């Protein structure tokens, strides 16, 4: 099986995953009971990961990520010349 995601799509997914992790860790800190905080953090993390993955998949159908990678590589090559 071959993984065929563009660099832009992967970068967007990684940044949204880091944001989801930060949100779940932040929300797990505030409840008074530790078990409630852990449960809240895990549920919010799973929900945020799924929303982020769905959002990136939707954008993958709407935006031409491969074309965006091509434009970025051409502009970077033009800058580095």
N, C-alpha and C. Protein backbone atom coordinates (compact mmCIF):
# COMPACT_ATOMS: atom_id res chain seq x y z
N UNK A 1 0.85 -1.17 0.00
CA UNK A 1 0.00 0.00 0.00
C UNK A 1 0.90 1.24 0.00
N UNK A 2 0.56 2.19 -0.83
CA UNK A 2 1.38 3.38 -0.97
C UNK A 2 0.64 4.58 -0.40
N UNK A 3 1.36 5.39 0.37
CA UNK A 3 0.80 6.60 0.97
C UNK A 3 1.00 7.74 -0.01
N UNK A 4 -0.07 8.37 -0.42
CA UNK A 4 0.04 9.43 -1.43
C UNK A 4 -0.62 10.72 -0.96
N UNK A 5 -0.04 11.32 0.06
CA UNK A 5 -0.53 12.61 0.51
C UNK A 5 0.53 13.66 0.18
N UNK A 6 0.08 14.85 -0.11
CA UNK A 6 1.03 15.91 -0.46
C UNK A 6 1.64 16.48 0.81
N UNK A 7 2.71 17.24 0.63
CA UNK A 7 3.38 17.86 1.77
C UNK A 7 2.47 18.89 2.45
N UNK A 8 1.69 19.60 1.68
CA UNK A 8 0.79 20.60 2.24
C UNK A 8 -0.29 19.93 3.09
N UNK A 9 -0.85 18.85 2.59
CA UNK A 9 -1.89 18.13 3.32
C UNK A 9 -1.33 17.53 4.61
N UNK A 10 -0.14 16.96 4.53
CA UNK A 10 0.48 16.38 5.71
C UNK A 10 0.82 17.45 6.74
N UNK A 11 1.34 18.58 6.28
CA UNK A 11 1.66 19.68 7.19
C UNK A 11 0.42 20.23 7.89
N UNK A 12 -0.66 20.36 7.14
CA UNK A 12 -1.92 20.83 7.72
C UNK A 12 -2.45 19.84 8.75
N UNK A 13 -2.37 18.56 8.43
CA UNK A 13 -2.84 17.54 9.36
C UNK A 13 -2.00 17.50 10.62
N UNK A 14 -0.69 17.63 10.50
CA UNK A 14 0.18 17.63 11.67
C UNK A 14 -0.08 18.85 12.55
N UNK A 15 -0.22 20.01 11.95
CA UNK A 15 -0.47 21.21 12.76
C UNK A 15 -1.83 21.15 13.45
N UNK A 16 -2.84 20.62 12.78
CA UNK A 16 -4.14 20.47 13.44
C UNK A 16 -4.11 19.38 14.53
N UNK A 17 -3.30 18.35 14.34
CA UNK A 17 -3.15 17.32 15.38
C UNK A 17 -2.47 17.90 16.62
N UNK A 18 -1.46 18.74 16.42
CA UNK A 18 -0.80 19.39 17.56
C UNK A 18 -1.77 20.32 18.28
N UNK A 19 -2.58 21.04 17.53
CA UNK A 19 -3.60 21.90 18.13
C UNK A 19 -4.62 21.08 18.91
N UNK A 20 -5.02 19.93 18.39
CA UNK A 20 -5.95 19.05 19.09
C UNK A 20 -5.36 18.53 20.38
N UNK A 21 -4.09 18.14 20.34
CA UNK A 21 -3.42 17.67 21.55
C UNK A 21 -3.34 18.77 22.60
N UNK A 22 -2.99 19.97 22.17
CA UNK A 22 -2.90 21.09 23.11
C UNK A 22 -4.26 21.40 23.73
N UNK A 23 -5.31 21.35 22.93
CA UNK A 23 -6.66 21.61 23.43
C UNK A 23 -7.09 20.54 24.43
N UNK A 24 -6.80 19.29 24.15
CA UNK A 24 -7.20 18.22 25.07
C UNK A 24 -6.39 18.28 26.37
N UNK A 25 -5.10 18.60 26.27
CA UNK A 25 -4.29 18.74 27.49
C UNK A 25 -4.74 19.92 28.33
N UNK A 26 -5.09 21.02 27.67
CA UNK A 26 -5.56 22.19 28.39
C UNK A 26 -6.88 21.90 29.11
N UNK A 27 -7.78 21.21 28.44
CA UNK A 27 -9.08 20.93 29.06
C UNK A 27 -8.98 19.90 30.17
N UNK A 28 -7.97 19.03 30.14
CA UNK A 28 -7.83 18.02 31.17
C UNK A 28 -7.29 18.59 32.48
N UNK A 29 -6.77 19.79 32.46
CA UNK A 29 -6.16 20.36 33.66
C UNK A 29 -7.17 20.96 34.62
N UNK A 30 -8.36 21.33 34.19
CA UNK A 30 -9.22 22.16 35.01
C UNK A 30 -10.24 21.43 35.89
N UNK A 31 -10.69 20.23 35.60
CA UNK A 31 -11.64 19.60 36.54
C UNK A 31 -10.98 19.31 37.89
N UNK A 32 -11.81 19.23 38.95
CA UNK A 32 -11.29 19.00 40.30
C UNK A 32 -10.82 17.57 40.50
N UNK A 33 -11.50 16.61 39.89
CA UNK A 33 -11.10 15.21 40.04
C UNK A 33 -10.22 14.80 38.87
N UNK A 34 -9.19 14.05 39.17
CA UNK A 34 -8.24 13.62 38.14
C UNK A 34 -8.89 12.72 37.11
N UNK A 35 -9.74 11.80 37.56
CA UNK A 35 -10.38 10.87 36.62
C UNK A 35 -11.29 11.61 35.64
N UNK A 36 -11.98 12.63 36.10
CA UNK A 36 -12.84 13.42 35.22
C UNK A 36 -11.97 14.19 34.21
N UNK A 37 -10.85 14.73 34.67
CA UNK A 37 -9.96 15.45 33.77
C UNK A 37 -9.37 14.55 32.70
N UNK A 38 -8.96 13.35 33.09
CA UNK A 38 -8.41 12.41 32.11
C UNK A 38 -9.46 12.01 31.09
N UNK A 39 -10.66 11.69 31.56
CA UNK A 39 -11.74 11.30 30.66
C UNK A 39 -12.11 12.44 29.72
N UNK A 40 -12.20 13.65 30.26
CA UNK A 40 -12.53 14.81 29.42
C UNK A 40 -11.45 15.07 28.38
N UNK A 41 -10.18 14.98 28.80
CA UNK A 41 -9.09 15.19 27.87
C UNK A 41 -9.05 14.16 26.76
N UNK A 42 -9.27 12.89 27.11
CA UNK A 42 -9.25 11.82 26.10
C UNK A 42 -10.40 11.98 25.12
N UNK A 43 -11.60 12.22 25.63
CA UNK A 43 -12.76 12.37 24.74
C UNK A 43 -12.63 13.60 23.84
N UNK A 44 -12.17 14.71 24.40
CA UNK A 44 -11.99 15.90 23.58
C UNK A 44 -10.87 15.71 22.56
N UNK A 45 -9.81 15.00 22.95
CA UNK A 45 -8.72 14.73 22.02
C UNK A 45 -9.16 13.87 20.85
N UNK A 46 -9.90 12.81 21.14
CA UNK A 46 -10.39 11.93 20.07
C UNK A 46 -11.34 12.68 19.15
N UNK A 47 -12.23 13.47 19.74
CA UNK A 47 -13.17 14.25 18.94
C UNK A 47 -12.43 15.27 18.06
N UNK A 48 -11.46 15.97 18.65
CA UNK A 48 -10.73 16.99 17.89
C UNK A 48 -9.89 16.36 16.78
N UNK A 49 -9.28 15.19 17.05
CA UNK A 49 -8.52 14.50 16.00
C UNK A 49 -9.43 14.11 14.84
N UNK A 50 -10.60 13.58 15.14
CA UNK A 50 -11.53 13.19 14.08
C UNK A 50 -12.03 14.39 13.28
N UNK A 51 -12.32 15.48 13.96
CA UNK A 51 -12.76 16.69 13.26
C UNK A 51 -11.64 17.22 12.37
N UNK A 52 -10.41 17.24 12.89
CA UNK A 52 -9.28 17.73 12.10
C UNK A 52 -9.04 16.85 10.88
N UNK A 53 -9.10 15.52 11.06
CA UNK A 53 -8.89 14.62 9.92
C UNK A 53 -10.01 14.77 8.89
N UNK A 54 -11.24 14.93 9.34
CA UNK A 54 -12.35 15.16 8.41
C UNK A 54 -12.22 16.47 7.68
N UNK A 55 -11.76 17.50 8.37
CA UNK A 55 -11.57 18.81 7.75
C UNK A 55 -10.49 18.75 6.68
N UNK A 56 -9.38 18.08 6.98
CA UNK A 56 -8.31 17.97 5.99
C UNK A 56 -8.75 17.09 4.81
N UNK A 57 -9.51 16.04 5.08
CA UNK A 57 -10.02 15.20 3.98
C UNK A 57 -10.97 16.00 3.10
N UNK A 58 -11.83 16.83 3.71
CA UNK A 58 -12.72 17.68 2.93
C UNK A 58 -11.93 18.67 2.09
N UNK A 59 -10.92 19.30 2.70
CA UNK A 59 -10.09 20.23 1.94
C UNK A 59 -9.32 19.52 0.82
N UNK A 60 -8.96 18.25 1.04
CA UNK A 60 -8.28 17.49 0.01
C UNK A 60 -9.16 17.27 -1.21
N UNK A 61 -10.47 17.22 -1.01
CA UNK A 61 -11.39 17.08 -2.14
C UNK A 61 -11.69 18.42 -2.80
N UNK A 62 -11.56 19.51 -2.06
CA UNK A 62 -11.90 20.82 -2.58
C UNK A 62 -10.68 21.53 -3.17
N UNK A 63 -9.56 21.51 -2.43
CA UNK A 63 -8.36 22.21 -2.87
C UNK A 63 -7.40 21.26 -3.58
N UNK A 64 -6.72 21.75 -4.59
CA UNK A 64 -5.72 20.90 -5.27
C UNK A 64 -4.39 20.93 -4.52
N UNK A 65 -4.24 20.06 -3.50
CA UNK A 65 -3.03 20.08 -2.69
C UNK A 65 -1.78 19.78 -3.52
N UNK A 66 -1.88 18.89 -4.49
CA UNK A 66 -0.73 18.60 -5.35
C UNK A 66 -0.31 19.82 -6.14
N UNK A 67 -1.29 20.59 -6.62
CA UNK A 67 -0.98 21.82 -7.36
C UNK A 67 -0.37 22.86 -6.44
N UNK A 68 -0.86 22.95 -5.20
CA UNK A 68 -0.30 23.88 -4.24
C UNK A 68 1.16 23.52 -3.95
N UNK A 69 1.47 22.23 -3.82
CA UNK A 69 2.86 21.80 -3.62
C UNK A 69 3.72 22.19 -4.81
N UNK A 70 3.18 22.05 -6.01
CA UNK A 70 3.91 22.42 -7.22
C UNK A 70 4.21 23.92 -7.24
N UNK A 71 3.21 24.73 -6.89
CA UNK A 71 3.41 26.18 -6.84
C UNK A 71 4.45 26.56 -5.79
N UNK A 72 4.35 25.93 -4.61
CA UNK A 72 5.30 26.24 -3.55
C UNK A 72 6.73 25.84 -3.94
N UNK A 73 6.88 24.69 -4.58
CA UNK A 73 8.23 24.27 -4.97
C UNK A 73 8.79 25.17 -6.07
N UNK A 74 7.94 25.61 -6.99
CA UNK A 74 8.41 26.54 -8.03
C UNK A 74 8.79 27.91 -7.44
N UNK A 75 8.00 28.39 -6.51
CA UNK A 75 8.33 29.68 -5.91
C UNK A 75 9.58 29.58 -5.04
N UNK A 76 9.75 28.46 -4.36
CA UNK A 76 10.96 28.26 -3.55
C UNK A 76 12.19 28.11 -4.44
N UNK A 77 12.04 27.43 -5.57
CA UNK A 77 13.15 27.31 -6.52
C UNK A 77 13.51 28.66 -7.12
N UNK A 78 12.52 29.51 -7.35
CA UNK A 78 12.78 30.84 -7.87
C UNK A 78 13.51 31.71 -6.86
N UNK A 79 13.19 31.54 -5.59
CA UNK A 79 13.85 32.32 -4.54
C UNK A 79 15.30 31.86 -4.37
N UNK A 80 15.52 30.56 -4.45
CA UNK A 80 16.85 30.01 -4.19
C UNK A 80 17.80 30.15 -5.37
N UNK A 81 17.32 30.55 -6.53
CA UNK A 81 18.20 30.72 -7.70
C UNK A 81 19.08 31.90 -7.58
